Amino acid sequence: KPILLLMLAALVASIATVLRAENGRGTISGTVRLVGPP
């Protein structure tokens, strides 16, 4: 599956992302959907 290469780049690059955290905790919710023919 060549598509793995895209995912792998994201996984490795993600650790370098700079986040700005603040006090308190929250929740992230959502849905993942496919648009177009599978």
PDB file of all heavy atoms in Angstrom:
ATOM      1  N   LYS A   1       0.839  -1.181   0.000  1.00  0.00           N
ATOM      2  CA  LYS A   1       0.000   0.000   0.000  1.00  0.00           C
ATOM      3  C   LYS A   1       0.883   1.243   0.000  1.00  0.00           C
ATOM      4  O   LYS A   1       1.372   1.671   1.052  1.00  0.00           O
ATOM      5  CB  LYS A   1      -0.928  -0.005   1.216  1.00  0.00           C
ATOM      6  CG  LYS A   1      -1.884  -1.191   1.216  1.00  0.00           C
ATOM      7  CD  LYS A   1      -2.776  -1.163   2.416  1.00  0.00           C
ATOM      8  CE  LYS A   1      -3.790  -2.286   2.339  1.00  0.00           C
ATOM      9  NZ  LYS A   1      -3.181  -3.582   2.324  1.00  0.00           N
ATOM     10  N   PRO A   2       1.084   1.880  -1.155  1.00  0.00           N
ATOM     11  CA  PRO A   2       1.908   3.080  -1.206  1.00  0.00           C
ATOM     12  C   PRO A   2       1.387   4.195  -0.324  1.00  0.00           C
ATOM     13  O   PRO A   2       2.153   5.058   0.102  1.00  0.00           O
ATOM     14  CB  PRO A   2       1.837   3.471  -2.695  1.00  0.00           C
ATOM     15  CG  PRO A   2       1.497   2.208  -3.410  1.00  0.00           C
ATOM     16  CD  PRO A   2       0.624   1.443  -2.470  1.00  0.00           C
ATOM     17  N   ILE A   3       0.092   4.183  -0.019  1.00  0.00           N
ATOM     18  CA  ILE A   3      -0.463   5.262   0.786  1.00  0.00           C
ATOM     19  C   ILE A   3       0.169   5.306   2.166  1.00  0.00           C
ATOM     20  O   ILE A   3       0.130   6.321   2.856  1.00  0.00           O
ATOM     21  CB  ILE A   3      -2.001   5.079   0.898  1.00  0.00           C
ATOM     22  CG1 ILE A   3      -2.664   6.392   1.319  1.00  0.00           C
ATOM     23  CG2 ILE A   3      -2.356   3.971   1.856  1.00  0.00           C
ATOM     24  CD1 ILE A   3      -2.597   7.440   0.276  1.00  0.00           C
ATOM     25  N   LEU A   4       0.779   4.203   2.601  1.00  0.00           N
ATOM     26  CA  LEU A   4       1.439   4.195   3.903  1.00  0.00           C
ATOM     27  C   LEU A   4       2.519   5.262   3.998  1.00  0.00           C
ATOM     28  O   LEU A   4       2.759   5.817   5.060  1.00  0.00           O
ATOM     29  CB  LEU A   4       2.065   2.814   4.159  1.00  0.00           C
ATOM     30  CG  LEU A   4       1.133   1.741   4.698  1.00  0.00           C
ATOM     31  CD1 LEU A   4       1.845   0.417   4.741  1.00  0.00           C
ATOM     32  CD2 LEU A   4       0.620   2.111   6.055  1.00  0.00           C
ATOM     33  N   LEU A   5       3.202   5.547   2.898  1.00  0.00           N
ATOM     34  CA  LEU A   5       4.282   6.522   2.932  1.00  0.00           C
ATOM     35  C   LEU A   5       3.781   7.888   3.364  1.00  0.00           C
ATOM     36  O   LEU A   5       4.460   8.615   4.093  1.00  0.00           O
ATOM     37  CB  LEU A   5       4.952   6.605   1.552  1.00  0.00           C
ATOM     38  CG  LEU A   5       5.634   5.315   1.093  1.00  0.00           C
ATOM     39  CD1 LEU A   5       6.208   5.502  -0.297  1.00  0.00           C
ATOM     40  CD2 LEU A   5       6.724   4.904   2.065  1.00  0.00           C
ATOM     41  N   LEU A   6       2.575   8.266   2.937  1.00  0.00           N
ATOM     42  CA  LEU A   6       2.012   9.541   3.350  1.00  0.00           C
ATOM     43  C   LEU A   6       1.765   9.551   4.847  1.00  0.00           C
ATOM     44  O   LEU A   6       2.071  10.521   5.536  1.00  0.00           O
ATOM     45  CB  LEU A   6       0.698   9.796   2.600  1.00  0.00           C
ATOM     46  CG  LEU A   6       0.804   9.910   1.081  1.00  0.00           C
ATOM     47  CD1 LEU A   6      -0.581  10.068   0.484  1.00  0.00           C
ATOM     48  CD2 LEU A   6       1.685  11.082   0.685  1.00  0.00           C
ATOM     49  N   MET A   7       1.203   8.456   5.334  1.00  0.00           N
ATOM     50  CA  MET A   7       0.935   8.371   6.749  1.00  0.00           C
ATOM     51  C   MET A   7       2.198   8.399   7.572  1.00  0.00           C
ATOM     52  O   MET A   7       2.291   9.046   8.606  1.00  0.00           O
ATOM     53  CB  MET A   7       0.122   7.104   7.021  1.00  0.00           C
ATOM     54  CG  MET A   7      -0.238   6.852   8.480  1.00  0.00           C
ATOM     55  SD  MET A   7       1.092   6.080   9.401  1.00  0.00           S
ATOM     56  CE  MET A   7       1.332   4.633   8.432  1.00  0.00           C
ATOM     57  N   LEU A   8       3.233   7.690   7.094  1.00  0.00           N
ATOM     58  CA  LEU A   8       4.473   7.611   7.845  1.00  0.00           C
ATOM     59  C   LEU A   8       5.126   8.972   7.979  1.00  0.00           C
ATOM     60  O   LEU A   8       5.653   9.328   9.031  1.00  0.00           O
ATOM     61  CB  LEU A   8       5.425   6.636   7.144  1.00  0.00           C
ATOM     62  CG  LEU A   8       4.926   5.193   7.113  1.00  0.00           C
ATOM     63  CD1 LEU A   8       5.838   4.345   6.235  1.00  0.00           C
ATOM     64  CD2 LEU A   8       4.836   4.634   8.492  1.00  0.00           C
ATOM     65  N   ALA A   9       5.095   9.754   6.911  1.00  0.00           N
ATOM     66  CA  ALA A   9       5.668  11.091   6.976  1.00  0.00           C
ATOM     67  C   ALA A   9       4.951  11.921   8.027  1.00  0.00           C
ATOM     68  O   ALA A   9       5.570  12.683   8.778  1.00  0.00           O
ATOM     69  CB  ALA A   9       5.588  11.759   5.606  1.00  0.00           C
ATOM     70  N   ALA A  10       3.638  11.759   8.098  1.00  0.00           N
ATOM     71  CA  ALA A  10       2.878  12.513   9.086  1.00  0.00           C
ATOM     72  C   ALA A  10       3.208  12.066  10.499  1.00  0.00           C
ATOM     73  O   ALA A  10       3.347  12.889  11.402  1.00  0.00           O
ATOM     74  CB  ALA A  10       1.379  12.359   8.824  1.00  0.00           C
ATOM     75  N   LEU A  11       3.355  10.763  10.702  1.00  0.00           N
ATOM     76  CA  LEU A  11       3.666  10.264  12.035  1.00  0.00           C
ATOM     77  C   LEU A  11       5.010  10.787  12.527  1.00  0.00           C
ATOM     78  O   LEU A  11       5.163  11.207  13.668  1.00  0.00           O
ATOM     79  CB  LEU A  11       3.682   8.738  12.030  1.00  0.00           C
ATOM     80  CG  LEU A  11       2.325   8.043  12.040  1.00  0.00           C
ATOM     81  CD1 LEU A  11       2.516   6.545  11.930  1.00  0.00           C
ATOM     82  CD2 LEU A  11       1.535   8.388  13.268  1.00  0.00           C
ATOM     83  N   VAL A  12       6.014  10.761  11.652  1.00  0.00           N
ATOM     84  CA  VAL A  12       7.347  11.198  12.061  1.00  0.00           C
ATOM     85  C   VAL A  12       7.391  12.698  12.256  1.00  0.00           C
ATOM     86  O   VAL A  12       7.976  13.217  13.202  1.00  0.00           O
ATOM     87  CB  VAL A  12       8.399  10.763  11.015  1.00  0.00           C
ATOM     88  CG1 VAL A  12       9.749  11.355  11.350  1.00  0.00           C
ATOM     89  CG2 VAL A  12       8.478   9.256  10.978  1.00  0.00           C
ATOM     90  N   ALA A  13       6.716  13.439  11.358  1.00  0.00           N
ATOM     91  CA  ALA A  13       6.743  14.895  11.455  1.00  0.00           C
ATOM     92  C   ALA A  13       5.944  15.409  12.633  1.00  0.00           C
ATOM     93  O   ALA A  13       6.206  16.496  13.147  1.00  0.00           O
ATOM     94  CB  ALA A  13       6.205  15.504  10.162  1.00  0.00           C
ATOM     95  N   SER A  14       4.987  14.624  13.097  1.00  0.00           N
ATOM     96  CA  SER A  14       4.076  15.122  14.116  1.00  0.00           C
ATOM     97  C   SER A  14       4.770  15.465  15.415  1.00  0.00           C
ATOM     98  O   SER A  14       4.358  16.380  16.120  1.00  0.00           O
ATOM     99  CB  SER A  14       2.983  14.090  14.382  1.00  0.00           C
ATOM    100  OG  SER A  14       3.523  12.949  14.986  1.00  0.00           O
ATOM    101  N   ILE A  15       5.829  14.755  15.750  1.00  0.00           N
ATOM    102  CA  ILE A  15       6.487  14.993  17.034  1.00  0.00           C
ATOM    103  C   ILE A  15       7.137  16.362  17.084  1.00  0.00           C
ATOM    104  O   ILE A  15       7.385  16.903  18.151  1.00  0.00           O
ATOM    105  CB  ILE A  15       7.541  13.888  17.317  1.00  0.00           C
ATOM    106  CG1 ILE A  15       7.912  13.877  18.801  1.00  0.00           C
ATOM    107  CG2 ILE A  15       8.738  14.033  16.422  1.00  0.00           C
ATOM    108  CD1 ILE A  15       6.782  13.504  19.708  1.00  0.00           C
ATOM    109  N   ALA A  16       7.396  16.946  15.918  1.00  0.00           N
ATOM    110  CA  ALA A  16       8.031  18.260  15.882  1.00  0.00           C
ATOM    111  C   ALA A  16       7.021  19.390  15.971  1.00  0.00           C
ATOM    112  O   ALA A  16       7.397  20.555  16.034  1.00  0.00           O
ATOM    113  CB  ALA A  16       8.846  18.409  14.600  1.00  0.00           C
ATOM    114  N   THR A  17       5.733  19.078  15.948  1.00  0.00           N
ATOM    115  CA  THR A  17       4.718  20.114  16.002  1.00  0.00           C
ATOM    116  C   THR A  17       4.767  20.833  17.336  1.00  0.00           C
ATOM    117  O   THR A  17       4.848  20.216  18.392  1.00  0.00           O
ATOM    118  CB  THR A  17       3.326  19.487  15.808  1.00  0.00           C
ATOM    119  OG1 THR A  17       3.304  18.785  14.575  1.00  0.00           O
ATOM    120  CG2 THR A  17       2.241  20.564  15.808  1.00  0.00           C
ATOM    121  N   VAL A  18       4.719  22.144  17.311  1.00  0.00           N
ATOM    122  CA  VAL A  18       4.747  22.944  18.532  1.00  0.00           C
ATOM    123  C   VAL A  18       3.321  23.237  18.957  1.00  0.00           C
ATOM    124  O   VAL A  18       2.529  23.768  18.183  1.00  0.00           O
ATOM    125  CB  VAL A  18       5.505  24.266  18.312  1.00  0.00           C
ATOM    126  CG1 VAL A  18       5.472  25.113  19.579  1.00  0.00           C
ATOM    127  CG2 VAL A  18       6.941  23.980  17.893  1.00  0.00           C
ATOM    128  N   LEU A  19       2.990  22.887  20.187  1.00  0.00           N
ATOM    129  CA  LEU A  19       1.649  23.104  20.715  1.00  0.00           C
ATOM    130  C   LEU A  19       1.703  24.164  21.808  1.00  0.00           C
ATOM    131  O   LEU A  19       2.685  24.276  22.531  1.00  0.00           O
ATOM    132  CB  LEU A  19       1.086  21.804  21.311  1.00  0.00           C
ATOM    133  CG  LEU A  19       1.078  20.597  20.367  1.00  0.00           C
ATOM    134  CD1 LEU A  19       0.518  19.396  21.112  1.00  0.00           C
ATOM    135  CD2 LEU A  19       0.247  20.901  19.139  1.00  0.00           C
ATOM    136  N   ARG A  20       0.626  24.908  21.887  1.00  0.00           N
ATOM    137  CA  ARG A  20       0.528  25.902  22.941  1.00  0.00           C
ATOM    138  C   ARG A  20      -0.562  25.477  23.902  1.00  0.00           C
ATOM    139  O   ARG A  20      -1.753  25.650  23.633  1.00  0.00           O
ATOM    140  CB  ARG A  20       0.194  27.279  22.356  1.00  0.00           C
ATOM    141  CG  ARG A  20       0.160  28.402  23.407  1.00  0.00           C
ATOM    142  CD  ARG A  20       0.236  29.759  22.727  1.00  0.00           C
ATOM    143  NE  ARG A  20      -0.894  29.967  21.847  1.00  0.00           N
ATOM    144  CZ  ARG A  20      -2.067  30.459  22.243  1.00  0.00           C
ATOM    145  NH1 ARG A  20      -2.266  30.750  23.511  1.00  0.00           N
ATOM    146  NH2 ARG A  20      -3.051  30.641  21.389  1.00  0.00           N
ATOM    147  N   ALA A  21      -0.153  24.854  25.010  1.00  0.00           N
ATOM    148  CA  ALA A  21      -1.112  24.332  25.979  1.00  0.00           C
ATOM    149  C   ALA A  21      -1.436  25.363  27.043  1.00  0.00           C
ATOM    150  O   ALA A  21      -0.597  26.172  27.414  1.00  0.00           O
ATOM    151  CB  ALA A  21      -0.567  23.067  26.638  1.00  0.00           C
ATOM    152  N   GLU A  22      -2.676  25.338  27.538  1.00  0.00           N
ATOM    153  CA  GLU A  22      -3.120  26.229  28.580  1.00  0.00           C
ATOM    154  C   GLU A  22      -3.704  25.400  29.712  1.00  0.00           C
ATOM    155  O   GLU A  22      -3.800  24.183  29.624  1.00  0.00           O
ATOM    156  CB  GLU A  22      -4.165  27.209  28.024  1.00  0.00           C
ATOM    157  CG  GLU A  22      -3.613  28.075  26.887  1.00  0.00           C
ATOM    158  CD  GLU A  22      -4.696  28.896  26.219  1.00  0.00           C
ATOM    159  OE1 GLU A  22      -5.892  28.659  26.534  1.00  0.00           O
ATOM    160  OE2 GLU A  22      -4.365  29.757  25.389  1.00  0.00           O
ATOM    161  N   ASN A  23      -4.080  26.080  30.778  1.00  0.00           N
ATOM    162  CA  ASN A  23      -4.671  25.372  31.900  1.00  0.00           C
ATOM    163  C   ASN A  23      -6.033  24.806  31.515  1.00  0.00           C
ATOM    164  O   ASN A  23      -6.730  25.337  30.674  1.00  0.00           O
ATOM    165  CB  ASN A  23      -4.818  26.321  33.089  1.00  0.00           C
ATOM    166  CG  ASN A  23      -3.468  26.761  33.623  1.00  0.00           C
ATOM    167  OD1 ASN A  23      -2.505  26.008  33.543  1.00  0.00           O
ATOM    168  ND2 ASN A  23      -3.398  27.973  34.152  1.00  0.00           N
ATOM    169  N   GLY A  24      -6.422  23.733  32.194  1.00  0.00           N
ATOM    170  CA  GLY A  24      -7.727  23.143  31.960  1.00  0.00           C
ATOM    171  C   GLY A  24      -7.688  22.037  30.928  1.00  0.00           C
ATOM    172  O   GLY A  24      -6.721  21.869  30.200  1.00  0.00           O
ATOM    173  N   ARG A  25      -8.777  21.263  30.881  1.00  0.00           N
ATOM    174  CA  ARG A  25      -8.894  20.136  29.964  1.00  0.00           C
ATOM    175  C   ARG A  25     -10.215  20.235  29.217  1.00  0.00           C
ATOM    176  O   ARG A  25     -11.210  20.717  29.746  1.00  0.00           O
ATOM    177  CB  ARG A  25      -8.840  18.811  30.738  1.00  0.00           C
ATOM    178  CG  ARG A  25      -7.547  18.596  31.531  1.00  0.00           C
ATOM    179  CD  ARG A  25      -6.403  18.276  30.628  1.00  0.00           C
ATOM    180  NE  ARG A  25      -5.141  18.230  31.346  1.00  0.00           N
ATOM    181  CZ  ARG A  25      -4.301  17.196  31.313  1.00  0.00           C
ATOM    182  NH1 ARG A  25      -4.602  16.143  30.583  1.00  0.00           N
ATOM    183  NH2 ARG A  25      -3.180  17.221  31.964  1.00  0.00           N
ATOM    184  N   GLY A  26     -10.215  19.752  27.989  1.00  0.00           N
ATOM    185  CA  GLY A  26     -11.419  19.752  27.179  1.00  0.00           C
ATOM    186  C   GLY A  26     -11.575  18.453  26.431  1.00  0.00           C
ATOM    187  O   GLY A  26     -10.826  17.495  26.634  1.00  0.00           O
ATOM    188  N   THR A  27     -12.531  18.393  25.531  1.00  0.00           N
ATOM    189  CA  THR A  27     -12.849  17.205  24.759  1.00  0.00           C
ATOM    190  C   THR A  27     -12.880  17.562  23.278  1.00  0.00           C
ATOM    191  O   THR A  27     -13.388  18.624  22.900  1.00  0.00           O
ATOM    192  CB  THR A  27     -14.220  16.639  25.174  1.00  0.00           C
ATOM    193  OG1 THR A  27     -14.165  16.252  26.551  1.00  0.00           O
ATOM    194  CG2 THR A  27     -14.575  15.411  24.343  1.00  0.00           C
ATOM    195  N   ILE A  28     -12.318  16.680  22.448  1.00  0.00           N
ATOM    196  CA  ILE A  28     -12.408  16.808  20.990  1.00  0.00           C
ATOM    197  C   ILE A  28     -13.220  15.636  20.476  1.00  0.00           C
ATOM    198  O   ILE A  28     -12.881  14.473  20.729  1.00  0.00           O
ATOM    199  CB  ILE A  28     -11.028  16.816  20.326  1.00  0.00           C
ATOM    200  CG1 ILE A  28     -10.144  17.943  20.887  1.00  0.00           C
ATOM    201  CG2 ILE A  28     -11.158  16.985  18.817  1.00  0.00           C
ATOM    202  CD1 ILE A  28      -8.723  17.908  20.343  1.00  0.00           C
ATOM    203  N   SER A  29     -14.287  15.927  19.749  1.00  0.00           N
ATOM    204  CA  SER A  29     -15.133  14.890  19.167  1.00  0.00           C
ATOM    205  C   SER A  29     -15.369  15.193  17.700  1.00  0.00           C
ATOM    206  O   SER A  29     -15.245  16.333  17.259  1.00  0.00           O
ATOM    207  CB  SER A  29     -16.481  14.807  19.899  1.00  0.00           C
ATOM    208  OG  SER A  29     -16.302  14.487  21.264  1.00  0.00           O
ATOM    209  N   GLY A  30     -15.739  14.164  16.952  1.00  0.00           N
ATOM    210  CA  GLY A  30     -16.028  14.382  15.549  1.00  0.00           C
ATOM    211  C   GLY A  30     -16.316  13.092  14.820  1.00  0.00           C
ATOM    212  O   GLY A  30     -16.474  12.021  15.426  1.00  0.00           O
ATOM    213  N   THR A  31     -16.372  13.196  13.503  1.00  0.00           N
ATOM    214  CA  THR A  31     -16.688  12.070  12.634  1.00  0.00           C
ATOM    215  C   THR A  31     -15.741  12.063  11.452  1.00  0.00           C
ATOM    216  O   THR A  31     -15.346  13.123  10.955  1.00  0.00           O
ATOM    217  CB  THR A  31     -18.141  12.165  12.126  1.00  0.00           C
ATOM    218  OG1 THR A  31     -19.027  12.213  13.236  1.00  0.00           O
ATOM    219  CG2 THR A  31     -18.502  10.964  11.263  1.00  0.00           C
ATOM    220  N   VAL A  32     -15.368  10.869  11.001  1.00  0.00           N
ATOM    221  CA  VAL A  32     -14.552  10.692   9.803  1.00  0.00           C
ATOM    222  C   VAL A  32     -15.444  10.058   8.737  1.00  0.00           C
ATOM    223  O   VAL A  32     -16.102   9.055   8.990  1.00  0.00           O
ATOM    224  CB  VAL A  32     -13.315   9.820  10.076  1.00  0.00           C
ATOM    225  CG1 VAL A  32     -12.492   9.644   8.803  1.00  0.00           C
ATOM    226  CG2 VAL A  32     -12.464  10.429  11.186  1.00  0.00           C
ATOM    227  N   ARG A  33     -15.425  10.662   7.538  1.00  0.00           N
ATOM    228  CA  ARG A  33     -16.332  10.233   6.480  1.00  0.00           C
ATOM    229  C   ARG A  33     -15.588  10.181   5.147  1.00  0.00           C
ATOM    230  O   ARG A  33     -14.621  10.919   4.928  1.00  0.00           O
ATOM    231  CB  ARG A  33     -17.507  11.208   6.392  1.00  0.00           C
ATOM    232  CG  ARG A  33     -18.662  10.780   5.509  1.00  0.00           C
ATOM    233  CD  ARG A  33     -19.737  11.860   5.474  1.00  0.00           C
ATOM    234  NE  ARG A  33     -20.130  12.277   6.799  1.00  0.00           N
ATOM    235  CZ  ARG A  33     -21.041  11.673   7.545  1.00  0.00           C
ATOM    236  NH1 ARG A  33     -21.649  10.593   7.067  1.00  0.00           N
ATOM    237  NH2 ARG A  33     -21.343  12.114   8.736  1.00  0.00           N
ATOM    238  N   LEU A  34     -16.056   9.343   4.248  1.00  0.00           N
ATOM    239  CA  LEU A  34     -15.529   9.266   2.888  1.00  0.00           C
ATOM    240  C   LEU A  34     -16.510   9.930   1.939  1.00  0.00           C
ATOM    241  O   LEU A  34     -17.701   9.645   1.959  1.00  0.00           O
ATOM    242  CB  LEU A  34     -15.319   7.810   2.467  1.00  0.00           C
ATOM    243  CG  LEU A  34     -14.892   7.570   1.010  1.00  0.00           C
ATOM    244  CD1 LEU A  34     -13.508   8.166   0.753  1.00  0.00           C
ATOM    245  CD2 LEU A  34     -14.910   6.087   0.679  1.00  0.00           C
ATOM    246  N   VAL A  35     -15.989  10.828   1.097  1.00  0.00           N
ATOM    247  CA  VAL A  35     -16.798  11.504   0.076  1.00  0.00           C
ATOM    248  C   VAL A  35     -16.360  10.976  -1.282  1.00  0.00           C
ATOM    249  O   VAL A  35     -15.170  10.959  -1.596  1.00  0.00           O
ATOM    250  CB  VAL A  35     -16.618  13.030   0.144  1.00  0.00           C
ATOM    251  CG1 VAL A  35     -17.406  13.708  -0.972  1.00  0.00           C
ATOM    252  CG2 VAL A  35     -17.059  13.559   1.505  1.00  0.00           C
ATOM    253  N   GLY A  36     -17.321  10.555  -2.076  1.00  0.00           N
ATOM    254  CA  GLY A  36     -16.997   9.991  -3.382  1.00  0.00           C
ATOM    255  C   GLY A  36     -17.058   8.483  -3.345  1.00  0.00           C
ATOM    256  O   GLY A  36     -17.227   7.864  -2.284  1.00  0.00           O
ATOM    257  N   PRO A  37     -16.912   7.847  -4.501  1.00  0.00           N
ATOM    258  CA  PRO A  37     -16.993   6.380  -4.554  1.00  0.00           C
ATOM    259  C   PRO A  37     -15.843   5.733  -3.800  1.00  0.00           C
ATOM    260  O   PRO A  37     -14.699   6.203  -3.877  1.00  0.00           O
ATOM    261  CB  PRO A  37     -16.921   6.069  -6.053  1.00  0.00           C
ATOM    262  CG  PRO A  37     -16.253   7.264  -6.660  1.00  0.00           C
ATOM    263  CD  PRO A  37     -16.674   8.440  -5.832  1.00  0.00           C
ATOM    264  N   PRO A  38     -16.114   4.672  -3.048  1.00  0.00           N
ATOM    265  CA  PRO A  38     -15.031   4.004  -2.314  1.00  0.00           C
ATOM    266  C   PRO A  38     -14.060   3.333  -3.272  1.00  0.00           C
ATOM    267  O   PRO A  38     -14.448   2.880  -4.347  1.00  0.00           O
ATOM    268  CB  PRO A  38     -15.756   2.976  -1.445  1.00  0.00           C
ATOM    269  CG  PRO A  38     -17.064   2.755  -2.129  1.00  0.00           C
ATOM    270  CD  PRO A  38     -17.416   4.045  -2.810  1.00  0.00           C
TER     271      PRO A  38
END
